[in-house]
Amino acid sequence: MTYTHLTTNELVMIEAYYQAGKKVCDISKSLGRSRQTIYNVLSFLKTGHSAYDYYERYQTNKKRCGRKNTQLTKPVQDFIQSYLELDWSFDVIKGTYPERIPCSMRTLYRLADRGIFHKNDFPWQGKRNPNGKKETRGKQAFRRNIRERTEMYPELESEFGHLEGDTIVGKNHKSAVITMVEKQSKAIITLQTNGRKASDIEESVSKWMSQFPRHLFKSITFDCGKEFSNWKSISNKHDIDIFFADPGCPGQRGLNEHSNGLLRRHGLPKQMDFKGISQKCLSAIADKRNRIPRKSLNYQTPYQVFLTNLKMSNLI
């Protein structure tokens, strides 16, 4: 049975019974408390104190109970803060350096709430469109359905060489950047494009794919936007299968959507005009993300997993 502490009313009654000369057993039966509990209070009263003094002592002792706040040394705090400034999450820092961090990942977030660490953009909450919202953006009339991908590649989730792609749009919807991510390694690719037309997208994707051996990449799953309407040319030129997610179903390319969110937060915000940005700058932004360990990769970096798969394919 759960023990409950004496209330102020019970303490006052014990003091009244004590002054009236009541026996311990009678007080115990009257209050429904054990004799030892009554003895403890009476022993305190016999020293000349009151029930109020007993309650004050109880409150003082209670403040000393419970787990003490975690205190990290200055070197450990500086170590964690240095990686936060590199856009690492607490989860990744703890998972990558478990021997350096003497507390749990949840405790690190609590310390951040107390102001011990400084980071302006912790993981965000998603937004959802209102019920009944209709998609007004242009879509392709003909495309290969994503369900064909499952039939052709039953080992999709464990096989290297499958990409997800999309574009992220810049300020005033006048410029764009092509983003792709390899599903197995989670390596992010960012490509410069001269515009948002299908011909611009085709040119940039073809130029990038020409750098790699044929058949290294097996498939690409794009968003169903009209900017990818030249997909047949890319597919035929590089002998790669191209599929499209269903309209309004970004979760079918969830890894790419998540990667776009990371790029938006760290280098490619919505208010930025992408027309003047160079491929070197875009590659540097992706390179920074690809060098951060991922929990889903057993705290390896996307680069490490990507290169490991290339070695297994005898390509490097």
C-alpha atoms as a PDB file:
ATOM      1  CA  MET A   1       0.000   0.000   0.000  1.00  0.00           C
ATOM      2  CA  THR A   2       1.294   3.481  -0.874  1.00  0.00           C
ATOM      3  CA  TYR A   3       2.397   5.496   2.141  1.00  0.00           C
ATOM      4  CA  THR A   4       0.929   8.995   2.540  1.00  0.00           C
ATOM      5  CA  HIS A   5       2.552  11.652   4.660  1.00  0.00           C
ATOM      6  CA  LEU A   6       0.782  13.179   7.644  1.00  0.00           C
ATOM      7  CA  THR A   7      -1.385  16.156   6.808  1.00  0.00           C
ATOM      8  CA  THR A   8      -1.437  19.374   8.837  1.00  0.00           C
ATOM      9  CA  ASN A   9      -4.873  18.430  10.241  1.00  0.00           C
ATOM     10  CA  GLU A  10      -3.544  15.072  11.464  1.00  0.00           C
ATOM     11  CA  LEU A  11      -0.545  16.741  13.103  1.00  0.00           C
ATOM     12  CA  VAL A  12      -2.815  19.199  14.931  1.00  0.00           C
ATOM     13  CA  MET A  13      -5.042  16.312  16.118  1.00  0.00           C
ATOM     14  CA  ILE A  14      -2.014  14.318  17.338  1.00  0.00           C
ATOM     15  CA  GLU A  15      -0.835  17.368  19.269  1.00  0.00           C
ATOM     16  CA  ALA A  16      -4.313  17.788  20.808  1.00  0.00           C
ATOM     17  CA  TYR A  17      -4.507  14.095  21.786  1.00  0.00           C
ATOM     18  CA  TYR A  18      -0.998  14.324  23.274  1.00  0.00           C
ATOM     19  CA  GLN A  19      -1.941  17.314  25.399  1.00  0.00           C
ATOM     20  CA  ALA A  20      -5.105  15.465  26.478  1.00  0.00           C
ATOM     21  CA  GLY A  21      -3.033  12.474  27.641  1.00  0.00           C
ATOM     22  CA  LYS A  22      -4.399   9.992  25.104  1.00  0.00           C
ATOM     23  CA  LYS A  23      -2.579   6.670  24.655  1.00  0.00           C
ATOM     24  CA  VAL A  24      -0.630   5.916  21.500  1.00  0.00           C
ATOM     25  CA  CYS A  25      -2.840   2.954  20.577  1.00  0.00           C
ATOM     26  CA  ASP A  26      -5.987   5.108  20.856  1.00  0.00           C
ATOM     27  CA  ILE A  27      -4.492   7.867  18.690  1.00  0.00           C
ATOM     28  CA  SER A  28      -3.387   5.264  16.142  1.00  0.00           C
ATOM     29  CA  LYS A  29      -6.896   3.754  15.869  1.00  0.00           C
ATOM     30  CA  SER A  30      -8.551   7.157  15.731  1.00  0.00           C
ATOM     31  CA  LEU A  31      -6.398   8.408  12.836  1.00  0.00           C
ATOM     32  CA  GLY A  32      -5.882   5.075  11.051  1.00  0.00           C
ATOM     33  CA  ARG A  33      -2.112   5.426  11.305  1.00  0.00           C
ATOM     34  CA  SER A  34       0.571   3.022  12.474  1.00  0.00           C
ATOM     35  CA  ARG A  35       1.853   3.283  16.036  1.00  0.00           C
ATOM     36  CA  GLN A  36       5.385   3.982  14.824  1.00  0.00           C
ATOM     37  CA  THR A  37       4.175   7.058  12.964  1.00  0.00           C
ATOM     38  CA  ILE A  38       2.448   8.350  16.110  1.00  0.00           C
ATOM     39  CA  TYR A  39       5.543   7.579  18.227  1.00  0.00           C
ATOM     40  CA  ASN A  40       7.712   9.638  15.841  1.00  0.00           C
ATOM     41  CA  VAL A  41       5.495  12.706  16.202  1.00  0.00           C
ATOM     42  CA  LEU A  42       5.105  12.331  19.987  1.00  0.00           C
ATOM     43  CA  SER A  43       8.873  11.996  20.446  1.00  0.00           C
ATOM     44  CA  PHE A  44       9.301  15.298  18.622  1.00  0.00           C
ATOM     45  CA  LEU A  45       6.557  16.989  20.682  1.00  0.00           C
ATOM     46  CA  LYS A  46       8.124  15.796  23.956  1.00  0.00           C
ATOM     47  CA  THR A  47      11.252  17.837  23.170  1.00  0.00           C
ATOM     48  CA  GLY A  48       9.193  21.007  23.514  1.00  0.00           C
ATOM     49  CA  HIS A  49       8.297  21.560  19.861  1.00  0.00           C
ATOM     50  CA  SER A  50       4.858  22.025  18.327  1.00  0.00           C
ATOM     51  CA  ALA A  51       3.008  20.351  15.464  1.00  0.00           C
ATOM     52  CA  TYR A  52       3.834  23.387  13.322  1.00  0.00           C
ATOM     53  CA  ASP A  53       7.574  22.875  14.026  1.00  0.00           C
ATOM     54  CA  TYR A  54       7.212  19.222  12.953  1.00  0.00           C
ATOM     55  CA  TYR A  55       5.593  20.282   9.673  1.00  0.00           C
ATOM     56  CA  GLU A  56       8.312  22.875   9.018  1.00  0.00           C
ATOM     57  CA  ARG A  57      10.995  20.212   9.525  1.00  0.00           C
ATOM     58  CA  TYR A  58       9.138  17.904   7.167  1.00  0.00           C
ATOM     59  CA  GLN A  59       9.038  20.589   4.453  1.00  0.00           C
ATOM     60  CA  THR A  60      12.761  21.278   4.871  1.00  0.00           C
ATOM     61  CA  ASN A  61      13.659  17.584   4.579  1.00  0.00           C
ATOM     62  CA  LYS A  62      11.411  17.180   1.551  1.00  0.00           C
ATOM     63  CA  LYS A  63      13.323  19.849  -0.353  1.00  0.00           C
ATOM     64  CA  ARG A  64      16.469  17.732  -0.029  1.00  0.00           C
ATOM     65  CA  CYS A  65      14.769  14.679  -1.542  1.00  0.00           C
ATOM     66  CA  GLY A  66      14.783  13.669  -5.193  1.00  0.00           C
ATOM     67  CA  ARG A  67      17.410  13.621  -7.906  1.00  0.00           C
ATOM     68  CA  LYS A  68      19.818  16.518  -8.026  1.00  0.00           C
ATOM     69  CA  ASN A  69      20.098  18.586 -11.207  1.00  0.00           C
ATOM     70  CA  THR A  70      22.704  17.227 -13.611  1.00  0.00           C
ATOM     71  CA  GLN A  71      25.853  19.321 -13.659  1.00  0.00           C
ATOM     72  CA  LEU A  72      28.275  19.070 -16.590  1.00  0.00           C
ATOM     73  CA  THR A  73      31.858  20.255 -16.394  1.00  0.00           C
ATOM     74  CA  LYS A  74      32.906  23.233 -18.499  1.00  0.00           C
ATOM     75  CA  PRO A  75      35.020  21.115 -20.899  1.00  0.00           C
ATOM     76  CA  VAL A  76      32.058  18.786 -21.549  1.00  0.00           C
ATOM     77  CA  GLN A  77      29.723  21.751 -22.112  1.00  0.00           C
ATOM     78  CA  ASP A  78      32.197  23.307 -24.554  1.00  0.00           C
ATOM     79  CA  PHE A  79      32.596  19.966 -26.349  1.00  0.00           C
ATOM     80  CA  ILE A  80      28.827  19.604 -26.841  1.00  0.00           C
ATOM     81  CA  GLN A  81      28.369  23.260 -27.817  1.00  0.00           C
ATOM     82  CA  SER A  82      31.083  22.984 -30.467  1.00  0.00           C
ATOM     83  CA  TYR A  83      29.153  20.212 -32.221  1.00  0.00           C
ATOM     84  CA  LEU A  84      25.828  22.018 -31.857  1.00  0.00           C
ATOM     85  CA  GLU A  85      27.384  24.857 -33.828  1.00  0.00           C
ATOM     86  CA  LEU A  86      28.150  22.312 -36.571  1.00  0.00           C
ATOM     87  CA  ASP A  87      24.396  21.496 -36.731  1.00  0.00           C
ATOM     88  CA  TRP A  88      24.725  18.156 -34.928  1.00  0.00           C
ATOM     89  CA  SER A  89      21.721  17.136 -32.843  1.00  0.00           C
ATOM     90  CA  PHE A  90      21.976  16.023 -29.201  1.00  0.00           C
ATOM     91  CA  ASP A  91      21.017  12.522 -30.285  1.00  0.00           C
ATOM     92  CA  VAL A  92      23.898  12.320 -32.761  1.00  0.00           C
ATOM     93  CA  ILE A  93      26.431  13.812 -30.327  1.00  0.00           C
ATOM     94  CA  LYS A  94      25.487  11.333 -27.597  1.00  0.00           C
ATOM     95  CA  GLY A  95      25.394   8.376 -30.001  1.00  0.00           C
ATOM     96  CA  THR A  96      28.734   9.214 -31.619  1.00  0.00           C
ATOM     97  CA  TYR A  97      30.616  10.022 -28.395  1.00  0.00           C
ATOM     98  CA  PRO A  98      28.861   8.034 -25.623  1.00  0.00           C
ATOM     99  CA  GLU A  99      32.023   7.907 -23.517  1.00  0.00           C
ATOM    100  CA  ARG A 100      32.380  11.715 -23.538  1.00  0.00           C
ATOM    101  CA  ILE A 101      28.797  12.527 -22.492  1.00  0.00           C
ATOM    102  CA  PRO A 102      27.992  11.488 -18.873  1.00  0.00           C
ATOM    103  CA  CYS A 103      24.206  11.899 -19.212  1.00  0.00           C
ATOM    104  CA  SER A 104      21.358  10.804 -21.472  1.00  0.00           C
ATOM    105  CA  MET A 105      20.155  12.535 -24.621  1.00  0.00           C
ATOM    106  CA  ARG A 106      16.904  13.520 -22.883  1.00  0.00           C
ATOM    107  CA  THR A 107      18.903  15.175 -20.111  1.00  0.00           C
ATOM    108  CA  LEU A 108      20.784  17.203 -22.734  1.00  0.00           C
ATOM    109  CA  TYR A 109      17.478  18.581 -24.026  1.00  0.00           C
ATOM    110  CA  ARG A 110      16.450  19.450 -20.449  1.00  0.00           C
ATOM    111  CA  LEU A 111      19.759  21.261 -19.977  1.00  0.00           C
ATOM    112  CA  ALA A 112      19.034  23.215 -23.158  1.00  0.00           C
ATOM    113  CA  ASP A 113      15.680  24.237 -21.675  1.00  0.00           C
ATOM    114  CA  ARG A 114      17.591  25.541 -18.649  1.00  0.00           C
ATOM    115  CA  GLY A 115      19.798  27.649 -20.936  1.00  0.00           C
ATOM    116  CA  ILE A 116      22.985  25.592 -20.522  1.00  0.00           C
ATOM    117  CA  PHE A 117      23.304  25.149 -24.299  1.00  0.00           C
ATOM    118  CA  HIS A 118      22.494  27.577 -27.069  1.00  0.00           C
ATOM    119  CA  LYS A 119      20.893  26.456 -30.332  1.00  0.00           C
ATOM    120  CA  ASN A 120      18.223  28.406 -32.148  1.00  0.00           C
ATOM    121  CA  ASP A 121      16.761  25.715 -34.386  1.00  0.00           C
ATOM    122  CA  PHE A 122      16.013  22.424 -32.676  1.00  0.00           C
ATOM    123  CA  PRO A 123      13.953  19.900 -34.706  1.00  0.00           C
ATOM    124  CA  TRP A 124      10.795  21.481 -36.018  1.00  0.00           C
ATOM    125  CA  GLN A 125       7.149  20.455 -35.970  1.00  0.00           C
ATOM    126  CA  GLY A 126       5.574  19.719 -39.306  1.00  0.00           C
ATOM    127  CA  LYS A 127       2.660  21.587 -40.789  1.00  0.00           C
ATOM    128  CA  ARG A 128      -0.350  20.078 -42.510  1.00  0.00           C
ATOM    129  CA  ASN A 129      -2.681  21.441 -45.141  1.00  0.00           C
ATOM    130  CA  PRO A 130      -6.327  22.000 -44.192  1.00  0.00           C
ATOM    131  CA  ASN A 131      -8.817  19.264 -45.034  1.00  0.00           C
ATOM    132  CA  GLY A 132     -10.174  19.502 -48.539  1.00  0.00           C
ATOM    133  CA  LYS A 133      -7.191  21.450 -49.940  1.00  0.00           C
ATOM    134  CA  LYS A 134      -6.790  20.872 -53.683  1.00  0.00           C
ATOM    135  CA  GLU A 135      -3.440  20.812 -55.418  1.00  0.00           C
ATOM    136  CA  THR A 136      -3.237  23.687 -57.933  1.00  0.00           C
ATOM    137  CA  ARG A 137       0.300  23.210 -59.185  1.00  0.00           C
ATOM    138  CA  GLY A 138       0.926  21.758 -62.647  1.00  0.00           C
ATOM    139  CA  LYS A 139       1.239  17.972 -62.895  1.00  0.00           C
ATOM    140  CA  GLN A 140       2.341  15.566 -65.604  1.00  0.00           C
ATOM    141  CA  ALA A 141      -0.259  13.798 -67.681  1.00  0.00           C
ATOM    142  CA  PHE A 142       1.804  10.615 -68.031  1.00  0.00           C
ATOM    143  CA  ARG A 143       4.299   9.197 -65.607  1.00  0.00           C
ATOM    144  CA  ARG A 144       5.493   5.871 -64.225  1.00  0.00           C
ATOM    145  CA  ASN A 145       3.665   5.072 -61.011  1.00  0.00           C
ATOM    146  CA  ILE A 146       5.623   4.446 -57.808  1.00  0.00           C
ATOM    147  CA  ARG A 147       3.935   1.045 -57.439  1.00  0.00           C
ATOM    148  CA  GLU A 148       5.896  -0.172 -60.461  1.00  0.00           C
ATOM    149  CA  ARG A 149       9.060   0.539 -58.510  1.00  0.00           C
ATOM    150  CA  THR A 150       8.105  -1.966 -55.794  1.00  0.00           C
ATOM    151  CA  GLU A 151       7.450  -4.653 -58.407  1.00  0.00           C
ATOM    152  CA  MET A 152      10.733  -4.056 -60.236  1.00  0.00           C
ATOM    153  CA  TYR A 153      12.912  -3.630 -57.147  1.00  0.00           C
ATOM    154  CA  PRO A 154      11.661  -5.831 -54.283  1.00  0.00           C
ATOM    155  CA  GLU A 155      14.959  -5.243 -52.430  1.00  0.00           C
ATOM    156  CA  LEU A 156      14.597  -1.472 -52.676  1.00  0.00           C
ATOM    157  CA  GLU A 157      15.025  -0.715 -48.961  1.00  0.00           C
ATOM    158  CA  SER A 158      18.291  -2.657 -48.649  1.00  0.00           C
ATOM    159  CA  GLU A 159      19.781  -2.087 -52.093  1.00  0.00           C
ATOM    160  CA  PHE A 160      22.232   0.674 -52.968  1.00  0.00           C
ATOM    161  CA  GLY A 161      21.624   2.954 -55.928  1.00  0.00           C
ATOM    162  CA  HIS A 162      18.060   4.252 -55.568  1.00  0.00           C
ATOM    163  CA  LEU A 163      17.553   8.023 -55.513  1.00  0.00           C
ATOM    164  CA  GLU A 164      14.735  10.350 -54.516  1.00  0.00           C
ATOM    165  CA  GLY A 165      14.610  13.795 -56.114  1.00  0.00           C
ATOM    166  CA  ASP A 166      12.804  17.124 -56.080  1.00  0.00           C
ATOM    167  CA  THR A 167      13.437  20.850 -56.458  1.00  0.00           C
ATOM    168  CA  ILE A 168      13.412  23.483 -53.747  1.00  0.00           C
ATOM    169  CA  VAL A 169      12.263  26.904 -54.917  1.00  0.00           C
ATOM    170  CA  GLY A 170      13.905  30.209 -54.074  1.00  0.00           C
ATOM    171  CA  LYS A 171      12.627  33.722 -53.477  1.00  0.00           C
ATOM    172  CA  ASN A 172       9.461  34.706 -55.400  1.00  0.00           C
ATOM    173  CA  HIS A 173       9.461  31.263 -57.076  1.00  0.00           C
ATOM    174  CA  LYS A 174      11.914  32.549 -59.687  1.00  0.00           C
ATOM    175  CA  SER A 175      14.811  30.161 -59.060  1.00  0.00           C
ATOM    176  CA  ALA A 176      15.338  26.587 -57.923  1.00  0.00           C
ATOM    177  CA  VAL A 177      17.883  24.013 -56.797  1.00  0.00           C
ATOM    178  CA  ILE A 178      17.668  20.310 -57.645  1.00  0.00           C
ATOM    179  CA  THR A 179      18.051  18.027 -54.641  1.00  0.00           C
ATOM    180  CA  MET A 180      18.493  14.262 -54.611  1.00  0.00           C
ATOM    181  CA  VAL A 181      19.305  11.744 -51.889  1.00  0.00           C
ATOM    182  CA  GLU A 182      20.505   8.148 -52.100  1.00  0.00           C
ATOM    183  CA  LYS A 183      18.205   5.981 -49.985  1.00  0.00           C
ATOM    184  CA  GLN A 184      20.744   3.518 -48.575  1.00  0.00           C
ATOM    185  CA  SER A 185      23.476   5.982 -47.540  1.00  0.00           C
ATOM    186  CA  LYS A 186      21.222   9.071 -47.147  1.00  0.00           C
ATOM    187  CA  ALA A 187      23.844  11.074 -49.048  1.00  0.00           C
ATOM    188  CA  ILE A 188      22.415  14.422 -50.217  1.00  0.00           C
ATOM    189  CA  ILE A 189      23.127  15.835 -53.695  1.00  0.00           C
ATOM    190  CA  THR A 190      22.441  19.476 -54.607  1.00  0.00           C
ATOM    191  CA  LEU A 191      22.576  20.596 -58.260  1.00  0.00           C
ATOM    192  CA  GLN A 192      22.562  24.035 -59.799  1.00  0.00           C
ATOM    193  CA  THR A 193      20.013  24.705 -62.541  1.00  0.00           C
ATOM    194  CA  ASN A 194      19.558  27.701 -64.823  1.00  0.00           C
ATOM    195  CA  GLY A 195      15.805  27.742 -64.353  1.00  0.00           C
ATOM    196  CA  ARG A 196      12.694  25.772 -63.490  1.00  0.00           C
ATOM    197  CA  LYS A 197      11.894  24.566 -67.000  1.00  0.00           C
ATOM    198  CA  ALA A 198      11.964  20.858 -67.804  1.00  0.00           C
ATOM    199  CA  SER A 199      14.892  21.398 -70.188  1.00  0.00           C
ATOM    200  CA  ASP A 200      16.929  23.076 -67.426  1.00  0.00           C
ATOM    201  CA  ILE A 201      16.271  20.231 -65.011  1.00  0.00           C
ATOM    202  CA  GLU A 202      17.128  17.633 -67.658  1.00  0.00           C
ATOM    203  CA  GLU A 203      20.417  19.347 -68.479  1.00  0.00           C
ATOM    204  CA  SER A 204      21.566  19.558 -64.844  1.00  0.00           C
ATOM    205  CA  VAL A 205      20.601  15.989 -63.922  1.00  0.00           C
ATOM    206  CA  SER A 206      22.193  14.546 -67.078  1.00  0.00           C
ATOM    207  CA  LYS A 207      25.411  16.476 -66.522  1.00  0.00           C
ATOM    208  CA  TRP A 208      25.678  15.163 -62.953  1.00  0.00           C
ATOM    209  CA  MET A 209      24.874  11.541 -63.842  1.00  0.00           C
ATOM    210  CA  SER A 210      27.472  11.543 -66.616  1.00  0.00           C
ATOM    211  CA  GLN A 211      30.176  11.669 -63.933  1.00  0.00           C
ATOM    212  CA  PHE A 212      29.297   8.180 -62.639  1.00  0.00           C
ATOM    213  CA  PRO A 213      29.565   4.707 -64.140  1.00  0.00           C
ATOM    214  CA  ARG A 214      26.500   3.454 -65.958  1.00  0.00           C
ATOM    215  CA  HIS A 215      24.105   1.393 -63.796  1.00  0.00           C
ATOM    216  CA  LEU A 216      25.578   2.681 -60.525  1.00  0.00           C
ATOM    217  CA  PHE A 217      22.189   4.252 -59.865  1.00  0.00           C
ATOM    218  CA  LYS A 218      19.215   2.026 -60.599  1.00  0.00           C
ATOM    219  CA  SER A 219      16.227   4.328 -60.130  1.00  0.00           C
ATOM    220  CA  ILE A 220      15.100   7.857 -59.331  1.00  0.00           C
ATOM    221  CA  THR A 221      11.765   8.734 -57.718  1.00  0.00           C
ATOM    222  CA  PHE A 222      10.734  12.309 -58.483  1.00  0.00           C
ATOM    223  CA  ASP A 223       7.944  14.588 -57.381  1.00  0.00           C
ATOM    224  CA  CYS A 224       5.172  14.694 -59.989  1.00  0.00           C
ATOM    225  CA  GLY A 225       5.795  18.353 -60.908  1.00  0.00           C
ATOM    226  CA  LYS A 226       5.960  19.468 -64.555  1.00  0.00           C
ATOM    227  CA  GLU A 227       9.639  20.387 -64.204  1.00  0.00           C
ATOM    228  CA  PHE A 228      10.433  16.665 -64.499  1.00  0.00           C
ATOM    229  CA  SER A 229       8.388  16.126 -67.667  1.00  0.00           C
ATOM    230  CA  ASN A 230      11.570  15.368 -69.671  1.00  0.00           C
ATOM    231  CA  TRP A 231      12.118  12.268 -67.578  1.00  0.00           C
ATOM    232  CA  LYS A 232      12.059   9.946 -70.606  1.00  0.00           C
ATOM    233  CA  SER A 233      15.138  11.622 -72.077  1.00  0.00           C
ATOM    234  CA  ILE A 234      17.043  11.222 -68.781  1.00  0.00           C
ATOM    235  CA  SER A 235      15.911   7.609 -68.466  1.00  0.00           C
ATOM    236  CA  ASN A 236      16.938   6.657 -72.015  1.00  0.00           C
ATOM    237  CA  LYS A 237      20.240   8.521 -71.970  1.00  0.00           C
ATOM    238  CA  HIS A 238      21.460   7.024 -68.700  1.00  0.00           C
ATOM    239  CA  ASP A 239      19.509   3.745 -68.759  1.00  0.00           C
ATOM    240  CA  ILE A 240      17.897   4.408 -65.384  1.00  0.00           C
ATOM    241  CA  ASP A 241      14.320   3.761 -64.248  1.00  0.00           C
ATOM    242  CA  ILE A 242      12.415   6.885 -63.224  1.00  0.00           C
ATOM    243  CA  PHE A 243       9.238   6.795 -61.139  1.00  0.00           C
ATOM    244  CA  PHE A 244       6.917   9.426 -59.678  1.00  0.00           C
ATOM    245  CA  ALA A 245       5.241   9.757 -56.297  1.00  0.00           C
ATOM    246  CA  ASP A 246       1.488  10.224 -56.188  1.00  0.00           C
ATOM    247  CA  PRO A 247       0.222  13.845 -56.112  1.00  0.00           C
ATOM    248  CA  GLY A 248      -0.058  15.191 -52.577  1.00  0.00           C
ATOM    249  CA  CYS A 249       1.878  12.248 -51.103  1.00  0.00           C
ATOM    250  CA  PRO A 250       5.303  13.621 -50.092  1.00  0.00           C
ATOM    251  CA  GLY A 251       5.677  10.722 -47.648  1.00  0.00           C
ATOM    252  CA  GLN A 252       6.385   8.455 -50.617  1.00  0.00           C
ATOM    253  CA  ARG A 253       9.641  10.387 -50.928  1.00  0.00           C
ATOM    254  CA  GLY A 254      10.026  10.961 -47.213  1.00  0.00           C
ATOM    255  CA  LEU A 255      13.821  10.853 -47.132  1.00  0.00           C
ATOM    256  CA  ASN A 256      14.084  13.525 -49.818  1.00  0.00           C
ATOM    257  CA  GLU A 257      11.508  15.733 -48.064  1.00  0.00           C
ATOM    258  CA  HIS A 258      13.400  15.422 -44.779  1.00  0.00           C
ATOM    259  CA  SER A 259      16.683  16.248 -46.506  1.00  0.00           C
ATOM    260  CA  ASN A 260      15.099  19.325 -48.106  1.00  0.00           C
ATOM    261  CA  GLY A 261      14.026  20.460 -44.655  1.00  0.00           C
ATOM    262  CA  LEU A 262      17.607  20.164 -43.413  1.00  0.00           C
ATOM    263  CA  LEU A 263      18.880  22.146 -46.395  1.00  0.00           C
ATOM    264  CA  ARG A 264      16.236  24.828 -45.832  1.00  0.00           C
ATOM    265  CA  ARG A 265      17.345  25.252 -42.236  1.00  0.00           C
ATOM    266  CA  HIS A 266      21.085  25.229 -42.936  1.00  0.00           C
ATOM    267  CA  GLY A 267      21.992  27.032 -46.124  1.00  0.00           C
ATOM    268  CA  LEU A 268      19.043  27.314 -48.541  1.00  0.00           C
ATOM    269  CA  PRO A 269      16.226  29.274 -46.839  1.00  0.00           C
ATOM    270  CA  LYS A 270      13.014  30.169 -48.661  1.00  0.00           C
ATOM    271  CA  GLN A 271      13.799  33.890 -48.814  1.00  0.00           C
ATOM    272  CA  MET A 272      17.066  33.218 -50.676  1.00  0.00           C
ATOM    273  CA  ASP A 273      17.451  33.834 -54.418  1.00  0.00           C
ATOM    274  CA  PHE A 274      19.227  30.815 -55.949  1.00  0.00           C
ATOM    275  CA  LYS A 275      20.085  32.476 -59.289  1.00  0.00           C
ATOM    276  CA  GLY A 276      23.456  33.731 -58.157  1.00  0.00           C
ATOM    277  CA  ILE A 277      24.514  30.678 -56.172  1.00  0.00           C
ATOM    278  CA  SER A 278      27.315  28.560 -57.648  1.00  0.00           C
ATOM    279  CA  GLN A 279      27.570  24.785 -57.840  1.00  0.00           C
ATOM    280  CA  LYS A 280      30.619  24.964 -55.572  1.00  0.00           C
ATOM    281  CA  CYS A 281      28.538  26.675 -52.866  1.00  0.00           C
ATOM    282  CA  LEU A 282      25.676  24.181 -53.261  1.00  0.00           C
ATOM    283  CA  SER A 283      28.106  21.261 -52.994  1.00  0.00           C
ATOM    284  CA  ALA A 284      29.604  22.771 -49.833  1.00  0.00           C
ATOM    285  CA  ILE A 285      26.143  22.985 -48.220  1.00  0.00           C
ATOM    286  CA  ALA A 286      25.421  19.328 -49.035  1.00  0.00           C
ATOM    287  CA  ASP A 287      28.942  18.324 -47.974  1.00  0.00           C
ATOM    288  CA  LYS A 288      28.352  19.792 -44.509  1.00  0.00           C
ATOM    289  CA  ARG A 289      25.198  17.681 -44.034  1.00  0.00           C
ATOM    290  CA  ASN A 290      26.843  14.560 -45.439  1.00  0.00           C
ATOM    291  CA  ARG A 291      29.636  14.749 -42.861  1.00  0.00           C
ATOM    292  CA  ILE A 292      27.258  14.665 -39.886  1.00  0.00           C
ATOM    293  CA  PRO A 293      26.697  11.152 -38.427  1.00  0.00           C
ATOM    294  CA  ARG A 294      23.162   9.765 -38.591  1.00  0.00           C
ATOM    295  CA  LYS A 295      21.533   7.572 -35.955  1.00  0.00           C
ATOM    296  CA  SER A 296      19.820   5.522 -38.676  1.00  0.00           C
ATOM    297  CA  LEU A 297      23.283   4.751 -40.116  1.00  0.00           C
ATOM    298  CA  ASN A 298      24.583   3.506 -36.762  1.00  0.00           C
ATOM    299  CA  TYR A 299      26.262   6.902 -36.267  1.00  0.00           C
ATOM    300  CA  GLN A 300      28.224   6.734 -39.492  1.00  0.00           C
ATOM    301  CA  THR A 301      28.202   9.663 -41.892  1.00  0.00           C
ATOM    302  CA  PRO A 302      26.389   9.444 -45.254  1.00  0.00           C
ATOM    303  CA  TYR A 303      29.769   9.801 -46.956  1.00  0.00           C
ATOM    304  CA  GLN A 304      31.155   6.775 -45.111  1.00  0.00           C
ATOM    305  CA  VAL A 305      28.210   4.583 -46.107  1.00  0.00           C
ATOM    306  CA  PHE A 306      28.229   5.889 -49.678  1.00  0.00           C
ATOM    307  CA  LEU A 307      31.945   5.154 -50.127  1.00  0.00           C
ATOM    308  CA  THR A 308      31.571   1.736 -48.496  1.00  0.00           C
ATOM    309  CA  ASN A 309      28.940   0.809 -51.081  1.00  0.00           C
ATOM    310  CA  LEU A 310      31.179   2.064 -53.889  1.00  0.00           C
ATOM    311  CA  LYS A 311      34.009  -0.159 -52.619  1.00  0.00           C
ATOM    312  CA  MET A 312      31.658  -3.138 -52.434  1.00  0.00           C
ATOM    313  CA  SER A 313      30.712  -2.421 -56.062  1.00  0.00           C
ATOM    314  CA  ASN A 314      34.471  -2.350 -56.958  1.00  0.00           C
ATOM    315  CA  LEU A 315      34.111   1.206 -58.279  1.00  0.00           C
ATOM    316  CA  ILE A 316      36.878   2.737 -56.142  1.00  0.00           C
END
